[in-house]
C-alpha atoms as a PDB file:
ATOM      1  CA  MET A   1       0.250  -0.053   0.025  1.00  0.00           C
ATOM      2  CA  ALA A   2       1.519   3.312  -1.037  1.00  0.00           C
ATOM      3  CA  GLN A   3       2.726   5.923   1.838  1.00  0.00           C
ATOM      4  CA  ASN A   4      -0.310   8.276   1.254  1.00  0.00           C
ATOM      5  CA  GLU A   5      -3.170   5.628   0.642  1.00  0.00           C
ATOM      6  CA  THR A   6      -5.495   4.961   3.656  1.00  0.00           C
ATOM      7  CA  ASP A   7      -6.557   1.445   4.523  1.00  0.00           C
ATOM      8  CA  PRO A   8     -10.665   1.093   4.506  1.00  0.00           C
ATOM      9  CA  ALA A   9     -10.329  -0.667   7.876  1.00  0.00           C
ATOM     10  CA  ASP A  10      -8.909   2.327   9.113  1.00  0.00           C
ATOM     11  CA  THR A  11     -11.063   4.939   7.943  1.00  0.00           C
ATOM     12  CA  PRO A  12     -13.621   5.749  10.837  1.00  0.00           C
ATOM     13  CA  ALA A  13     -17.190   5.360  10.811  1.00  0.00           C
ATOM     14  CA  HIS A  14     -17.854   9.042  11.905  1.00  0.00           C
ATOM     15  CA  LEU A  15     -16.333  10.953   8.653  1.00  0.00           C
ATOM     16  CA  PRO A  16     -17.746  12.957   6.036  1.00  0.00           C
ATOM     17  CA  ALA A  17     -19.360  10.887   3.574  1.00  0.00           C
ATOM     18  CA  ASP A  18     -17.330  12.054   0.691  1.00  0.00           C
ATOM     19  CA  LEU A  19     -13.894  10.719   2.732  1.00  0.00           C
ATOM     20  CA  ARG A  20     -15.558   7.060   3.095  1.00  0.00           C
ATOM     21  CA  SER A  21     -15.107   3.885   1.457  1.00  0.00           C
ATOM     22  CA  PRO A  22     -17.806   2.343   0.434  1.00  0.00           C
ATOM     23  CA  GLY A  23     -19.978   0.702   3.092  1.00  0.00           C
ATOM     24  CA  ARG A  24     -20.735  -3.138   4.186  1.00  0.00           C
ATOM     25  CA  LEU A  25     -23.572  -4.926   4.881  1.00  0.00           C
ATOM     26  CA  VAL A  26     -23.292  -8.182   7.050  1.00  0.00           C
ATOM     27  CA  LEU A  27     -26.100 -10.871   7.062  1.00  0.00           C
ATOM     28  CA  LEU A  28     -25.576 -12.127  10.327  1.00  0.00           C
ATOM     29  CA  GLY A  29     -27.206 -15.850  10.721  1.00  0.00           C
ATOM     30  CA  SER A  30     -27.070 -18.090  13.814  1.00  0.00           C
ATOM     31  CA  THR A  31     -28.949 -21.275  14.197  1.00  0.00           C
ATOM     32  CA  HIS A  32     -32.270 -21.729  16.173  1.00  0.00           C
ATOM     33  CA  ARG A  33     -30.775 -24.556  17.703  1.00  0.00           C
ATOM     34  CA  VAL A  34     -28.333 -22.754  20.122  1.00  0.00           C
ATOM     35  CA  ALA A  35     -29.928 -20.789  22.563  1.00  0.00           C
ATOM     36  CA  PRO A  36     -30.748 -16.747  21.290  1.00  0.00           C
ATOM     37  CA  GLY A  37     -27.353 -14.920  22.578  1.00  0.00           C
ATOM     38  CA  LEU A  38     -24.653 -17.467  22.310  1.00  0.00           C
ATOM     39  CA  LEU A  39     -23.107 -15.845  19.345  1.00  0.00           C
ATOM     40  CA  SER A  40     -19.546 -15.986  17.982  1.00  0.00           C
ATOM     41  CA  TRP A  41     -16.882 -13.354  19.158  1.00  0.00           C
ATOM     42  CA  PRO A  42     -16.706 -11.841  15.507  1.00  0.00           C
ATOM     43  CA  ALA A  43     -20.484 -11.423  15.521  1.00  0.00           C
ATOM     44  CA  TRP A  44     -20.680  -9.624  18.775  1.00  0.00           C
ATOM     45  CA  ARG A  45     -17.475  -7.475  17.869  1.00  0.00           C
ATOM     46  CA  THR A  46     -19.731  -6.701  14.475  1.00  0.00           C
ATOM     47  CA  LEU A  47     -22.843  -5.584  16.059  1.00  0.00           C
ATOM     48  CA  HIS A  48     -21.255  -3.724  18.829  1.00  0.00           C
ATOM     49  CA  GLU A  49     -18.817  -2.038  15.510  1.00  0.00           C
ATOM     50  CA  ALA A  50     -22.209  -1.519  13.654  1.00  0.00           C
ATOM     51  CA  ASP A  51     -23.833   2.104  12.545  1.00  0.00           C
ATOM     52  CA  ARG A  52     -27.288   0.097  12.268  1.00  0.00           C
ATOM     53  CA  VAL A  53     -28.423  -3.263  13.409  1.00  0.00           C
ATOM     54  CA  LEU A  54     -31.134  -4.001  11.652  1.00  0.00           C
ATOM     55  CA  VAL A  55     -34.132  -6.795  11.209  1.00  0.00           C
ATOM     56  CA  GLY A  56     -37.182  -7.707   9.929  1.00  0.00           C
ATOM     57  CA  ASP A  57     -39.390  -9.138  12.519  1.00  0.00           C
ATOM     58  CA  ALA A  58     -39.918  -7.610  16.097  1.00  0.00           C
ATOM     59  CA  ALA A  59     -40.343 -11.494  17.569  1.00  0.00           C
ATOM     60  CA  HIS A  60     -36.882 -12.082  16.175  1.00  0.00           C
ATOM     61  CA  PRO A  61     -35.066 -14.474  19.037  1.00  0.00           C
ATOM     62  CA  GLN A  62     -31.993 -12.803  18.942  1.00  0.00           C
ATOM     63  CA  LEU A  63     -33.383  -9.387  19.877  1.00  0.00           C
ATOM     64  CA  GLY A  64     -33.773  -9.982  24.306  1.00  0.00           C
ATOM     65  CA  PRO A  65     -30.082 -10.969  24.364  1.00  0.00           C
ATOM     66  CA  LEU A  66     -29.313  -8.143  21.874  1.00  0.00           C
ATOM     67  CA  ALA A  67     -30.951  -5.455  23.946  1.00  0.00           C
ATOM     68  CA  GLN A  68     -29.144  -6.830  27.132  1.00  0.00           C
ATOM     69  CA  ALA A  69     -25.860  -6.359  25.815  1.00  0.00           C
ATOM     70  CA  GLY A  70     -26.323  -2.880  24.864  1.00  0.00           C
ATOM     71  CA  VAL A  71     -27.146  -3.646  21.131  1.00  0.00           C
ATOM     72  CA  ALA A  72     -29.878  -1.317  19.311  1.00  0.00           C
ATOM     73  CA  VAL A  73     -31.612  -3.072  17.117  1.00  0.00           C
ATOM     74  CA  GLU A  74     -34.349  -1.303  14.350  1.00  0.00           C
ATOM     75  CA  VAL A  75     -37.587  -3.199  13.093  1.00  0.00           C
ATOM     76  CA  VAL A  76     -37.519  -2.338   9.941  1.00  0.00           C
ATOM     77  CA  ASP A  77     -40.756  -2.812   7.567  1.00  0.00           C
ATOM     78  CA  VAL A  78     -39.742  -3.733   4.221  1.00  0.00           C
ATOM     79  CA  PRO A  79     -41.984  -5.852   1.241  1.00  0.00           C
ATOM     80  CA  SER A  80     -39.746  -8.731   0.167  1.00  0.00           C
ATOM     81  CA  TYR A  81     -39.097  -7.898  -3.000  1.00  0.00           C
ATOM     82  CA  ALA A  82     -37.597  -4.411  -1.992  1.00  0.00           C
ATOM     83  CA  LEU A  83     -35.514  -5.611   1.055  1.00  0.00           C
ATOM     84  CA  ALA A  84     -32.070  -6.033  -1.020  1.00  0.00           C
ATOM     85  CA  ARG A  85     -32.161  -2.749  -2.525  1.00  0.00           C
ATOM     86  CA  SER A  86     -33.561  -1.071   0.906  1.00  0.00           C
ATOM     87  CA  LEU A  87     -30.444  -2.822   2.823  1.00  0.00           C
ATOM     88  CA  ALA A  88     -28.006  -2.178  -0.121  1.00  0.00           C
ATOM     89  CA  GLU A  89     -28.967   1.672   0.120  1.00  0.00           C
ATOM     90  CA  ALA A  90     -28.709   1.778   3.981  1.00  0.00           C
ATOM     91  CA  ALA A  91     -25.172   0.270   3.697  1.00  0.00           C
ATOM     92  CA  ARG A  92     -23.639   2.505   1.200  1.00  0.00           C
ATOM     93  CA  GLU A  93     -21.196   4.538   3.239  1.00  0.00           C
ATOM     94  CA  SER A  94     -21.504   2.487   6.779  1.00  0.00           C
ATOM     95  CA  LEU A  95     -21.888  -0.670   8.347  1.00  0.00           C
ATOM     96  CA  VAL A  96     -25.243  -2.241   8.536  1.00  0.00           C
ATOM     97  CA  VAL A  97     -26.001  -5.909  10.422  1.00  0.00           C
ATOM     98  CA  TRP A  98     -29.010  -7.283   9.044  1.00  0.00           C
ATOM     99  CA  LEU A  99     -30.487 -10.422  11.461  1.00  0.00           C
ATOM    100  CA  VAL A 100     -31.233 -12.874   9.341  1.00  0.00           C
ATOM    101  CA  GLY A 101     -34.515 -14.507  10.296  1.00  0.00           C
ATOM    102  CA  PRO A 102     -35.012 -17.872  11.271  1.00  0.00           C
ATOM    103  CA  ASP A 103     -36.330 -19.089   8.155  1.00  0.00           C
ATOM    104  CA  GLY A 104     -32.645 -17.998   6.283  1.00  0.00           C
ATOM    105  CA  ASP A 105     -34.278 -15.140   4.581  1.00  0.00           C
ATOM    106  CA  PRO A 106     -34.955 -17.063   1.620  1.00  0.00           C
ATOM    107  CA  GLY A 107     -34.070 -15.585  -2.053  1.00  0.00           C
ATOM    108  CA  LEU A 108     -32.347 -12.542  -0.163  1.00  0.00           C
ATOM    109  CA  THR A 109     -28.883 -13.380  -1.032  1.00  0.00           C
ATOM    110  CA  ASP A 110     -29.612 -13.617  -4.367  1.00  0.00           C
ATOM    111  CA  SER A 111     -31.631 -10.696  -4.788  1.00  0.00           C
ATOM    112  CA  LEU A 112     -28.531  -8.606  -3.276  1.00  0.00           C
ATOM    113  CA  ALA A 113     -26.169 -10.183  -5.674  1.00  0.00           C
ATOM    114  CA  ARG A 114     -28.302  -9.222  -8.489  1.00  0.00           C
ATOM    115  CA  TYR A 115     -28.421  -5.663  -7.187  1.00  0.00           C
ATOM    116  CA  ALA A 116     -24.875  -5.950  -7.097  1.00  0.00           C
ATOM    117  CA  VAL A 117     -24.068  -6.725 -10.898  1.00  0.00           C
ATOM    118  CA  GLU A 118     -26.707  -3.837 -11.483  1.00  0.00           C
ATOM    119  CA  GLY A 119     -24.800  -1.582  -9.423  1.00  0.00           C
ATOM    120  CA  ALA A 120     -21.461  -2.858 -10.870  1.00  0.00           C
ATOM    121  CA  GLU A 121     -22.687  -1.791 -14.586  1.00  0.00           C
ATOM    122  CA  THR A 122     -23.742   1.500 -13.188  1.00  0.00           C
ATOM    123  CA  PRO A 123     -21.277   4.502 -13.430  1.00  0.00           C
ATOM    124  CA  GLY A 124     -20.670   6.369 -10.093  1.00  0.00           C
ATOM    125  CA  ALA A 125     -23.067   3.522  -8.305  1.00  0.00           C
ATOM    126  CA  VAL A 126     -21.474   2.860  -4.798  1.00  0.00           C
ATOM    127  CA  VAL A 127     -22.430  -0.920  -3.810  1.00  0.00           C
ATOM    128  CA  PRO A 128     -21.238  -1.945  -0.194  1.00  0.00           C
ATOM    129  CA  GLU A 129     -19.404  -4.684   0.457  1.00  0.00           C
ATOM    130  CA  LEU A 130     -21.504  -8.002   1.212  1.00  0.00           C
ATOM    131  CA  GLU A 131     -20.347 -10.451   4.044  1.00  0.00           C
ATOM    132  CA  LEU A 132     -22.222 -13.349   5.204  1.00  0.00           C
ATOM    133  CA  LEU A 133     -21.512 -14.038   8.841  1.00  0.00           C
ATOM    134  CA  PRO A 134     -22.413 -17.008  10.694  1.00  0.00           C
ATOM    135  CA  GLY A 135     -23.404 -16.126  14.635  1.00  0.00           C
ATOM    136  CA  SER A 136     -22.998 -19.573  15.946  1.00  0.00           C
ATOM    137  CA  TYR A 137     -23.047 -23.292  14.579  1.00  0.00           C
ATOM    138  CA  ASP A 138     -25.009 -26.422  15.183  1.00  0.00           C
ATOM    139  CA  ILE A 139     -23.007 -28.552  17.283  1.00  0.00           C
ATOM    140  CA  PRO A 140     -23.683 -32.779  16.398  1.00  0.00           C
ATOM    141  CA  GLY A 141     -26.883 -33.800  17.168  1.00  0.00           C
ATOM    142  CA  ALA A 142     -28.221 -30.470  16.957  1.00  0.00           C
ATOM    143  CA  ARG A 143     -30.753 -31.602  14.606  1.00  0.00           C
ATOM    144  CA  LEU A 144     -32.618 -33.494  17.077  1.00  0.00           C
ATOM    145  CA  LEU A 145     -33.834 -30.429  18.411  1.00  0.00           C
ATOM    146  CA  ASP A 146     -35.793 -29.962  15.164  1.00  0.00           C
ATOM    147  CA  LEU A 147     -37.468 -33.257  15.586  1.00  0.00           C
ATOM    148  CA  VAL A 148     -38.558 -32.433  18.866  1.00  0.00           C
ATOM    149  CA  ALA A 149     -40.823 -29.185  17.720  1.00  0.00           C
ATOM    150  CA  VAL A 150     -41.619 -31.605  14.776  1.00  0.00           C
ATOM    151  CA  MET A 151     -43.093 -33.873  17.113  1.00  0.00           C
ATOM    152  CA  ASP A 152     -44.790 -31.448  19.359  1.00  0.00           C
ATOM    153  CA  ARG A 153     -46.311 -29.957  16.154  1.00  0.00           C
ATOM    154  CA  LEU A 154     -47.616 -33.196  15.520  1.00  0.00           C
ATOM    155  CA  ARG A 155     -49.261 -33.826  18.660  1.00  0.00           C
ATOM    156  CA  SER A 156     -50.556 -30.395  19.662  1.00  0.00           C
ATOM    157  CA  PRO A 157     -53.693 -28.684  19.021  1.00  0.00           C
ATOM    158  CA  GLY A 158     -53.974 -28.248  15.200  1.00  0.00           C
ATOM    159  CA  GLY A 159     -51.479 -30.961  14.125  1.00  0.00           C
ATOM    160  CA  CYS A 160     -52.210 -34.286  12.698  1.00  0.00           C
ATOM    161  CA  PRO A 161     -55.546 -35.641  14.099  1.00  0.00           C
ATOM    162  CA  TRP A 162     -53.766 -39.183  13.437  1.00  0.00           C
ATOM    163  CA  ASP A 163     -50.858 -38.668  15.459  1.00  0.00           C
ATOM    164  CA  ALA A 164     -52.523 -36.939  18.372  1.00  0.00           C
ATOM    165  CA  GLU A 165     -54.750 -39.650  18.822  1.00  0.00           C
ATOM    166  CA  GLN A 166     -51.810 -42.573  19.166  1.00  0.00           C
ATOM    167  CA  THR A 167     -51.075 -43.908  22.110  1.00  0.00           C
ATOM    168  CA  HIS A 168     -48.313 -46.186  23.372  1.00  0.00           C
ATOM    169  CA  ALA A 169     -50.603 -49.385  22.290  1.00  0.00           C
ATOM    170  CA  SER A 170     -51.623 -48.038  19.057  1.00  0.00           C
ATOM    171  CA  LEU A 171     -47.671 -47.472  18.410  1.00  0.00           C
ATOM    172  CA  VAL A 172     -46.478 -51.409  19.035  1.00  0.00           C
ATOM    173  CA  LYS A 173     -46.997 -52.927  15.768  1.00  0.00           C
ATOM    174  CA  TYR A 174     -45.290 -49.659  14.103  1.00  0.00           C
ATOM    175  CA  LEU A 175     -42.185 -50.079  16.226  1.00  0.00           C
ATOM    176  CA  VAL A 176     -42.004 -53.991  15.546  1.00  0.00           C
ATOM    177  CA  GLU A 177     -42.222 -52.774  12.030  1.00  0.00           C
ATOM    178  CA  GLU A 178     -39.691 -50.416  11.940  1.00  0.00           C
ATOM    179  CA  ALA A 179     -37.253 -52.437  13.790  1.00  0.00           C
ATOM    180  CA  TYR A 180     -37.318 -55.074  11.089  1.00  0.00           C
ATOM    181  CA  GLU A 181     -37.159 -52.632   8.323  1.00  0.00           C
ATOM    182  CA  LEU A 182     -33.901 -51.712  10.067  1.00  0.00           C
ATOM    183  CA  VAL A 183     -32.521 -55.068  10.577  1.00  0.00           C
ATOM    184  CA  GLU A 184     -33.815 -55.662   6.981  1.00  0.00           C
ATOM    185  CA  ALA A 185     -31.544 -52.742   5.675  1.00  0.00           C
ATOM    186  CA  ILE A 186     -28.750 -54.155   7.412  1.00  0.00           C
ATOM    187  CA  GLU A 187     -28.643 -57.712   6.301  1.00  0.00           C
ATOM    188  CA  GLU A 188     -29.170 -56.168   2.791  1.00  0.00           C
ATOM    189  CA  GLU A 189     -26.258 -53.914   3.152  1.00  0.00           C
ATOM    190  CA  ASP A 190     -28.033 -51.214   1.665  1.00  0.00           C
ATOM    191  CA  ARG A 191     -26.980 -47.846   2.904  1.00  0.00           C
ATOM    192  CA  GLY A 192     -29.874 -45.118   1.420  1.00  0.00           C
ATOM    193  CA  MET A 193     -32.337 -47.690   3.356  1.00  0.00           C
ATOM    194  CA  LEU A 194     -30.073 -47.935   6.336  1.00  0.00           C
ATOM    195  CA  ARG A 195     -30.262 -44.355   6.755  1.00  0.00           C
ATOM    196  CA  GLU A 196     -33.927 -44.024   6.249  1.00  0.00           C
ATOM    197  CA  GLU A 197     -34.736 -46.880   8.795  1.00  0.00           C
ATOM    198  CA  LEU A 198     -32.483 -45.693  11.331  1.00  0.00           C
ATOM    199  CA  GLY A 199     -34.682 -42.262  11.103  1.00  0.00           C
ATOM    200  CA  ASP A 200     -37.586 -44.209  11.227  1.00  0.00           C
ATOM    201  CA  VAL A 201     -37.147 -45.926  14.562  1.00  0.00           C
ATOM    202  CA  LEU A 202     -35.626 -42.658  16.105  1.00  0.00           C
ATOM    203  CA  PHE A 203     -39.078 -41.292  15.018  1.00  0.00           C
ATOM    204  CA  GLN A 204     -40.976 -43.906  17.180  1.00  0.00           C
ATOM    205  CA  VAL A 205     -38.818 -43.042  20.161  1.00  0.00           C
ATOM    206  CA  PHE A 206     -39.492 -39.509  19.954  1.00  0.00           C
ATOM    207  CA  PHE A 207     -43.404 -40.371  19.611  1.00  0.00           C
ATOM    208  CA  HIS A 208     -43.486 -42.404  22.492  1.00  0.00           C
ATOM    209  CA  SER A 209     -41.483 -40.212  24.528  1.00  0.00           C
ATOM    210  CA  ARG A 210     -43.874 -36.949  23.781  1.00  0.00           C
ATOM    211  CA  ILE A 211     -47.115 -39.483  24.668  1.00  0.00           C
ATOM    212  CA  ALA A 212     -45.312 -39.964  27.823  1.00  0.00           C
ATOM    213  CA  GLN A 213     -45.133 -36.580  28.548  1.00  0.00           C
ATOM    214  CA  GLU A 214     -48.827 -35.812  28.331  1.00  0.00           C
ATOM    215  CA  HIS A 215     -49.690 -38.549  31.264  1.00  0.00           C
ATOM    216  CA  PRO A 216     -51.442 -36.815  33.836  1.00  0.00           C
ATOM    217  CA  THR A 217     -49.577 -38.411  36.815  1.00  0.00           C
ATOM    218  CA  GLU A 218     -46.631 -39.696  35.777  1.00  0.00           C
ATOM    219  CA  PRO A 219     -45.173 -37.370  32.539  1.00  0.00           C
ATOM    220  CA  PHE A 220     -41.794 -37.697  31.366  1.00  0.00           C
ATOM    221  CA  SER A 221     -40.097 -36.096  28.230  1.00  0.00           C
ATOM    222  CA  ILE A 222     -37.226 -37.123  25.843  1.00  0.00           C
ATOM    223  CA  ASP A 223     -34.868 -35.437  28.080  1.00  0.00           C
ATOM    224  CA  ASP A 224     -35.513 -37.634  30.667  1.00  0.00           C
ATOM    225  CA  VAL A 225     -35.640 -40.596  28.622  1.00  0.00           C
ATOM    226  CA  VAL A 226     -32.225 -39.467  27.032  1.00  0.00           C
ATOM    227  CA  GLY A 227     -30.778 -38.607  30.863  1.00  0.00           C
ATOM    228  CA  ASP A 228     -31.459 -42.372  31.883  1.00  0.00           C
ATOM    229  CA  LEU A 229     -30.120 -43.819  29.190  1.00  0.00           C
ATOM    230  CA  VAL A 230     -26.549 -41.501  29.516  1.00  0.00           C
ATOM    231  CA  ASP A 231     -26.541 -42.229  32.975  1.00  0.00           C
ATOM    232  CA  LYS A 232     -27.061 -45.776  32.564  1.00  0.00           C
ATOM    233  CA  LEU A 233     -24.108 -46.142  29.868  1.00  0.00           C
ATOM    234  CA  MET A 234     -22.136 -44.042  32.223  1.00  0.00           C
ATOM    235  CA  TYR A 235     -22.595 -46.180  34.802  1.00  0.00           C
ATOM    236  CA  ARG A 236     -22.167 -49.811  32.773  1.00  0.00           C
ATOM    237  CA  HIS A 237     -18.915 -48.363  31.069  1.00  0.00           C
ATOM    238  CA  PRO A 238     -16.568 -48.064  34.461  1.00  0.00           C
ATOM    239  CA  HIS A 239     -13.361 -48.916  32.297  1.00  0.00           C
ATOM    240  CA  VAL A 240     -14.162 -45.363  30.072  1.00  0.00           C
ATOM    241  CA  PHE A 241     -15.635 -42.892  32.385  1.00  0.00           C
ATOM    242  CA  GLY A 242     -14.306 -44.644  35.739  1.00  0.00           C
ATOM    243  CA  ASP A 243     -11.299 -46.584  36.827  1.00  0.00           C
ATOM    244  CA  VAL A 244     -12.015 -50.178  36.240  1.00  0.00           C
ATOM    245  CA  ASP A 245      -9.587 -52.039  33.890  1.00  0.00           C
ATOM    246  CA  ALA A 246     -11.222 -53.965  30.653  1.00  0.00           C
ATOM    247  CA  ALA A 247      -9.087 -54.459  28.123  1.00  0.00           C
ATOM    248  CA  THR A 248     -10.509 -57.101  26.081  1.00  0.00           C
ATOM    249  CA  PRO A 249     -14.412 -57.002  24.919  1.00  0.00           C
ATOM    250  CA  GLU A 250     -14.852 -60.345  27.098  1.00  0.00           C
ATOM    251  CA  GLN A 251     -13.802 -58.156  30.084  1.00  0.00           C
ATOM    252  CA  VAL A 252     -16.534 -55.719  28.673  1.00  0.00           C
ATOM    253  CA  GLU A 253     -19.015 -57.962  29.016  1.00  0.00           C
ATOM    254  CA  VAL A 254     -18.187 -59.520  32.593  1.00  0.00           C
ATOM    255  CA  ASN A 255     -18.550 -55.944  33.739  1.00  0.00           C
ATOM    256  CA  TRP A 256     -21.618 -55.472  32.302  1.00  0.00           C
ATOM    257  CA  ASP A 257     -23.331 -58.388  33.128  1.00  0.00           C
ATOM    258  CA  GLU A 258     -22.267 -57.921  36.843  1.00  0.00           C
ATOM    259  CA  LEU A 259     -22.848 -54.336  36.650  1.00  0.00           C
ATOM    260  CA  LYS A 260     -26.443 -55.004  35.231  1.00  0.00           C
ATOM    261  CA  ALA A 261     -27.945 -57.925  37.466  1.00  0.00           C
ATOM    262  CA  ALA A 262     -26.585 -55.789  40.706  1.00  0.00           C
ATOM    263  CA  GLU A 263     -28.739 -52.848  39.364  1.00  0.00           C
ATOM    264  CA  LYS A 264     -31.406 -55.164  38.106  1.00  0.00           C
ATOM    265  CA  GLN A 265     -31.289 -57.091  41.508  1.00  0.00           C
ATOM    266  CA  ARG A 266     -32.713 -60.009  39.489  1.00  0.00           C
ATOM    267  CA  ASP A 267     -33.516 -63.655  41.091  1.00  0.00           C
ATOM    268  CA  SER A 268     -32.924 -65.675  37.903  1.00  0.00           C
ATOM    269  CA  ALA A 269     -30.791 -65.906  34.928  1.00  0.00           C
ATOM    270  CA  VAL A 270     -33.276 -65.435  32.647  1.00  0.00           C
ATOM    271  CA  ASP A 271     -35.138 -62.076  34.676  1.00  0.00           C
ATOM    272  CA  GLY A 272     -35.788 -59.615  32.211  1.00  0.00           C
ATOM    273  CA  VAL A 273     -35.722 -62.058  28.887  1.00  0.00           C
ATOM    274  CA  PRO A 274     -38.765 -60.602  26.700  1.00  0.00           C
ATOM    275  CA  LEU A 275     -40.943 -63.221  25.914  1.00  0.00           C
ATOM    276  CA  GLY A 276     -42.707 -61.388  22.880  1.00  0.00           C
ATOM    277  CA  GLN A 277     -39.661 -61.787  21.009  1.00  0.00           C
ATOM    278  CA  PRO A 278     -39.525 -64.470  18.101  1.00  0.00           C
ATOM    279  CA  ALA A 279     -39.366 -67.608  18.942  1.00  0.00           C
ATOM    280  CA  LEU A 280     -35.917 -68.514  17.567  1.00  0.00           C
ATOM    281  CA  ALA A 281     -34.374 -65.302  19.202  1.00  0.00           C
ATOM    282  CA  LEU A 282     -36.125 -66.452  22.292  1.00  0.00           C
ATOM    283  CA  ALA A 283     -35.016 -69.995  22.922  1.00  0.00           C
ATOM    284  CA  ALA A 284     -31.407 -68.701  22.131  1.00  0.00           C
ATOM    285  CA  LYS A 285     -31.305 -65.913  24.461  1.00  0.00           C
ATOM    286  CA  LEU A 286     -32.818 -68.394  27.180  1.00  0.00           C
ATOM    287  CA  TYR A 287     -29.876 -70.471  26.357  1.00  0.00           C
ATOM    288  CA  SER A 288     -27.469 -67.907  26.269  1.00  0.00           C
ATOM    289  CA  ARG A 289     -28.597 -66.664  29.861  1.00  0.00           C
ATOM    290  CA  ALA A 290     -28.265 -69.802  31.260  1.00  0.00           C
ATOM    291  CA  ALA A 291     -25.120 -70.668  29.858  1.00  0.00           C
ATOM    292  CA  LYS A 292     -23.458 -67.696  31.507  1.00  0.00           C
ATOM    293  CA  ALA A 293     -24.998 -68.245  34.789  1.00  0.00           C
ATOM    294  CA  GLY A 294     -23.771 -71.619  34.511  1.00  0.00           C
ATOM    295  CA  VAL A 295     -27.245 -73.277  34.619  1.00  0.00           C
ATOM    296  CA  GLU A 296     -27.404 -76.615  32.706  1.00  0.00           C
ATOM    297  CA  VAL A 297     -30.565 -77.953  31.582  1.00  0.00           C
ATOM    298  CA  ALA A 298     -31.529 -80.886  29.747  1.00  0.00           C
ATOM    299  CA  LEU A 299     -33.510 -79.845  26.581  1.00  0.00           C
ATOM    300  CA  PRO A 300     -36.927 -81.666  25.119  1.00  0.00           C
ATOM    301  CA  SER A 301     -36.365 -84.888  23.979  1.00  0.00           C
ATOM    302  CA  GLY A 302     -39.637 -85.215  22.176  1.00  0.00           C
ATOM    303  CA  GLU A 303     -39.855 -85.129  18.442  1.00  0.00           C
ATOM    304  CA  ASP A 304     -42.819 -82.374  18.051  1.00  0.00           C
ATOM    305  CA  ILE A 305     -41.943 -79.386  16.099  1.00  0.00           C
ATOM    306  CA  GLY A 306     -41.278 -76.768  19.030  1.00  0.00           C
ATOM    307  CA  ALA A 307     -39.101 -79.379  21.060  1.00  0.00           C
ATOM    308  CA  ARG A 308     -37.000 -79.851  17.455  1.00  0.00           C
ATOM    309  CA  LEU A 309     -37.060 -75.938  16.926  1.00  0.00           C
ATOM    310  CA  LEU A 310     -35.587 -75.201  20.153  1.00  0.00           C
ATOM    311  CA  ARG A 311     -32.599 -77.734  20.144  1.00  0.00           C
ATOM    312  CA  LEU A 312     -31.613 -76.228  16.480  1.00  0.00           C
ATOM    313  CA  ALA A 313     -31.748 -72.615  18.134  1.00  0.00           C
ATOM    314  CA  VAL A 314     -29.879 -73.843  20.911  1.00  0.00           C
ATOM    315  CA  ALA A 315     -27.370 -75.739  18.762  1.00  0.00           C
ATOM    316  CA  ALA A 316     -27.182 -72.237  16.741  1.00  0.00           C
ATOM    317  CA  GLN A 317     -26.294 -70.429  19.459  1.00  0.00           C
ATOM    318  CA  ALA A 318     -23.905 -72.867  20.953  1.00  0.00           C
ATOM    319  CA  SER A 319     -21.875 -72.561  17.942  1.00  0.00           C
ATOM    320  CA  GLY A 320     -22.040 -68.809  17.626  1.00  0.00           C
ATOM    321  CA  THR A 321     -24.322 -68.816  15.112  1.00  0.00           C
ATOM    322  CA  ASP A 322     -27.729 -66.223  15.198  1.00  0.00           C
ATOM    323  CA  PRO A 323     -30.515 -68.774  14.630  1.00  0.00           C
ATOM    324  CA  GLU A 324     -32.532 -65.745  13.679  1.00  0.00           C
ATOM    325  CA  ALA A 325     -30.234 -64.419  11.309  1.00  0.00           C
ATOM    326  CA  ALA A 326     -29.646 -67.671   9.913  1.00  0.00           C
ATOM    327  CA  LEU A 327     -33.274 -68.461   9.046  1.00  0.00           C
ATOM    328  CA  ARG A 328     -33.762 -65.001   7.338  1.00  0.00           C
ATOM    329  CA  GLU A 329     -30.679 -65.816   5.445  1.00  0.00           C
ATOM    330  CA  ALA A 330     -32.427 -68.744   4.358  1.00  0.00           C
ATOM    331  CA  ALA A 331     -35.987 -67.703   3.797  1.00  0.00           C
ATOM    332  CA  ARG A 332     -33.980 -64.563   1.748  1.00  0.00           C
ATOM    333  CA  ALA A 333     -32.517 -67.300  -0.807  1.00  0.00           C
ATOM    334  CA  TYR A 334     -35.893 -69.011  -0.707  1.00  0.00           C
ATOM    335  CA  ARG A 335     -38.089 -65.828  -1.587  1.00  0.00           C
ATOM    336  CA  ASP A 336     -35.638 -65.242  -4.692  1.00  0.00           C
ATOM    337  CA  ALA A 337     -35.876 -68.976  -5.934  1.00  0.00           C
ATOM    338  CA  ILE A 338     -39.775 -68.526  -5.799  1.00  0.00           C
ATOM    339  CA  ARG A 339     -39.421 -64.944  -7.773  1.00  0.00           C
ATOM    340  CA  ARG A 340     -37.033 -67.013 -10.501  1.00  0.00           C
ATOM    341  CA  ALA A 341     -39.675 -69.485 -10.613  1.00  0.00           C
ATOM    342  CA  GLU A 342     -42.331 -67.117 -10.854  1.00  0.00           C
ATOM    343  CA  SER A 343     -39.767 -65.512 -14.221  1.00  0.00           C
ATOM    344  CA  ALA A 344     -39.494 -68.869 -15.714  1.00  0.00           C
ATOM    345  CA  GLU A 345     -42.822 -69.620 -15.919  1.00  0.00           C
ATOM    346  CA  SER A 346     -43.641 -66.187 -17.227  1.00  0.00           C
ATOM    347  CA  ALA A 347     -41.180 -66.565 -20.069  1.00  0.00           C
END
């Protein structure tokens, strides 16, 4: 820079208009998933340096925190089609900050870009510098807050009539269906389907939690559910969050079983095994629990189909094979054979 030149960044905002550099328009955005007022240092610095801070919504969530911080904000009522030109003209010779609305002010940046192009082609026109400044960022898991809001909208008055009338009992079949569809996605190694089905299972958890929140005497929310889960995971992983040694997966499993037994205070090794699960999985789980506890029980020797299936399930589990997964794999092969036979008949 030549000795007699002045850095625009050093030009004071109070100089006469004919001595000032082109202005600067800052579009300050923030995520609604972070509490209002939790802004980055560049955002706060820009807000305090600004000649004017403008907003188009008198209910903008940042207005309260900004007022407490001594930042004056002007609410402007400008039609959306004229907003870009109005902001650009306001920032011709000053620093103006525009608080982007929670919806992101769709179309505003495109309109400002068009205005800049038009100004560049107009002799003598002064077009302000345009800056997009993120005031806050989403942290991992922040989109879960959107799901909380969506679920609340669906269950609240004016929401979805079908969602509003559901109960824990009425949703059971959907929870089971979604779980099986997730299993299918995993076994088929379908990444797109896996992503979708994980979302569907997650939605069921949020749905049940929202229903539980409405209970008249024993309500609990998704925060209670997640809080209990976090406490449980930390308690059952003392080798991670405590001072217990567990260098191998086998040691981790032993610690887990001991902690779980002490936590649940069960009288039998098979207490807590859900009887509603598929029969092959149930048989395998019962055997697994008994084997871990060192309980030996003779298998039924009858030749009825139930006894034979039980022996097959136990034999599979003892050999390290998941009988449910094995049968599903065989069933898929059978399904494909049926389709091939159908195609051959129609050829």
